[in-house]
C-alpha cells in the first residue's frame, strides 16, 4: 500500500470523525465558532491530499500536500483549544489529536520523499 493511499484513507476517516465532532459541538455544546473552523480545516486535509494525487506535475503534487499539511497544523490547534476550553474531554480530544498527528507525520514523510526525488 502506498503512502498516498494510506494518507487518503486515514484523512477520509479523520474527516468523518471531524464531521461527527462538528455535529456534537453544534447540537450538544451550542458552539458554532470553533466548530466552523475545525470542520473547514479537518475536512480540507483529505480534500487537498486527494487533489495532490491528481496533480498535473510534481510541483503541483507537492503544493497540494503542503496545503494539506498546513490544514493539519490548523486542525491540531483547534483540537488543543477545544480540549483546553472543555468543549471536549481530554480522552476524546487526545484520540482525535493522535489521528491528526499521525496524518501529519505521513504528510511530512511523503513531502520529504517527493522533494528529494525532484532534486
Protein backbone atom coordinates (compact mmCIF):
# COMPACT_ATOMS: atom_id res chain seq x y z
CA UNK A 1 0.00 0.00 0.00
CA UNK A 2 1.47 3.35 -0.99
CA UNK A 3 1.80 6.39 1.26
CA UNK A 4 -0.74 8.17 -0.95
CA UNK A 5 -3.45 5.58 -0.34
CA UNK A 6 -2.63 5.47 3.37
CA UNK A 7 -2.93 9.23 3.79
CA UNK A 8 -6.11 9.30 1.70
CA UNK A 9 -7.71 6.54 3.76
CA UNK A 10 -6.66 7.99 7.12
CA UNK A 11 -7.62 11.55 6.20
CA UNK A 12 -11.07 10.45 4.98
CA UNK A 13 -11.74 8.56 8.21
CA UNK A 14 -10.42 11.53 10.17
CA UNK A 15 -12.70 13.90 8.24
CA UNK A 16 -15.69 11.71 9.12
CA UNK A 17 -14.73 11.97 12.80
CA UNK A 18 -14.41 15.74 12.45
CA UNK A 19 -17.91 15.92 10.91
CA UNK A 20 -19.25 13.99 13.91
CA UNK A 21 -17.37 16.31 16.26
CA UNK A 22 -18.88 19.31 14.48
CA UNK A 23 -22.38 17.88 14.91
CA UNK A 24 -21.68 17.25 18.60
CA UNK A 25 -20.34 20.76 19.16
CA UNK A 26 -23.32 22.38 17.46
CA UNK A 27 -26.03 20.16 18.97
CA UNK A 28 -24.76 19.37 22.45
CA UNK A 29 -22.41 22.24 23.28
CA UNK A 30 -24.12 25.01 21.27
CA UNK A 31 -20.68 26.01 20.00
CA UNK A 32 -20.59 27.47 16.48
CA UNK A 33 -17.39 29.47 16.02
CA UNK A 34 -14.66 26.89 16.64
CA UNK A 35 -16.79 24.12 15.14
CA UNK A 36 -16.91 26.01 11.82
CA UNK A 37 -13.15 26.44 11.89
CA UNK A 38 -12.36 22.81 12.67
CA UNK A 39 -14.74 21.39 10.09
CA UNK A 40 -13.10 23.50 7.41
CA UNK A 41 -9.54 22.59 8.33
CA UNK A 42 -10.22 19.00 9.38
CA UNK A 43 -12.00 18.06 6.16
CA UNK A 44 -9.61 20.05 3.98
CA UNK A 45 -6.70 17.78 4.90
CA UNK A 46 -8.05 14.87 2.87
CA UNK A 47 -9.53 17.03 0.14
CA UNK A 48 -6.12 18.58 -0.61
CA UNK A 49 -4.32 15.24 -0.31
CA UNK A 50 -6.80 13.78 -2.79
CA UNK A 51 -6.20 16.69 -5.17
CA UNK A 52 -2.45 16.13 -4.84
CA UNK A 53 -2.76 12.59 -6.16
CA UNK A 54 -4.28 14.03 -9.33
CA UNK A 55 -1.82 16.90 -9.60
CA UNK A 56 -0.65 17.86 -13.08
CA UNK A 57 3.01 17.92 -12.06
CA UNK A 58 5.38 17.02 -9.24
CA UNK A 59 5.32 20.70 -8.17
CA UNK A 60 1.50 20.65 -8.08
CA UNK A 61 1.59 17.42 -6.04
CA UNK A 62 3.97 18.99 -3.52
CA UNK A 63 1.99 22.25 -3.35
CA UNK A 64 -1.28 20.44 -2.60
CA UNK A 65 0.37 18.27 0.06
CA UNK A 66 1.87 21.42 1.63
CA UNK A 67 -1.67 22.86 1.90
CA UNK A 68 -2.84 19.58 3.43
CA UNK A 69 0.00 19.79 5.97
CA UNK A 70 -0.93 23.39 6.86
CA UNK A 71 -4.56 22.32 7.38
CA UNK A 72 -3.33 19.54 9.65
CA UNK A 73 -1.45 22.08 11.78
CA UNK A 74 -4.54 24.28 11.98
CA UNK A 75 -6.74 21.33 12.95
CA UNK A 76 -4.24 20.38 15.65
CA UNK A 77 -4.56 23.91 17.06
CA UNK A 78 -8.38 23.81 17.13
CA UNK A 79 -8.37 20.38 18.79
CA UNK A 80 -6.00 21.60 21.51
CA UNK A 81 -8.20 24.65 22.04
CA UNK A 82 -11.35 22.51 22.31
CA UNK A 83 -9.65 20.38 24.97
CA UNK A 84 -8.34 23.36 26.94
CA UNK A 85 -11.71 25.12 26.83
CA UNK A 86 -13.54 21.94 27.97
CA UNK A 87 -15.71 21.62 24.87
CA UNK A 88 -14.43 18.06 24.53
CA UNK A 89 -12.92 15.77 27.12
CA UNK A 90 -9.21 15.09 27.16
CA UNK A 91 -9.67 11.42 26.08
CA UNK A 92 -11.92 12.48 23.17
CA UNK A 93 -9.50 15.18 22.16
CA UNK A 94 -6.41 13.02 22.53
CA UNK A 95 -7.88 10.35 20.27
CA UNK A 96 -8.56 12.91 17.55
CA UNK A 97 -5.23 14.61 18.16
CA UNK A 98 -3.35 11.31 17.81
CA UNK A 99 -5.04 10.68 14.45
CA UNK A 100 -4.23 14.22 13.35
CA UNK A 101 -0.58 13.88 14.34
CA UNK A 102 -0.30 10.52 12.57
CA UNK A 103 -1.59 12.09 9.36
CA UNK A 104 0.85 14.96 9.87
CA UNK A 105 3.79 12.54 10.16
CA UNK A 106 2.74 10.72 6.98
CA UNK A 107 2.40 14.01 5.11
CA UNK A 108 5.82 15.21 6.27
CA UNK A 109 7.41 11.93 5.22
CA UNK A 110 5.65 11.96 1.84
CA UNK A 111 6.64 15.56 1.23
CA UNK A 112 10.27 14.89 2.13
CA UNK A 113 10.35 11.91 -0.24
CA UNK A 114 8.71 13.91 -3.05
CA UNK A 115 11.05 16.86 -2.59
CA UNK A 116 14.15 14.66 -2.50
CA UNK A 117 13.03 12.78 -5.60
CA UNK A 118 12.72 16.03 -7.54
CA UNK A 119 16.33 17.11 -6.82
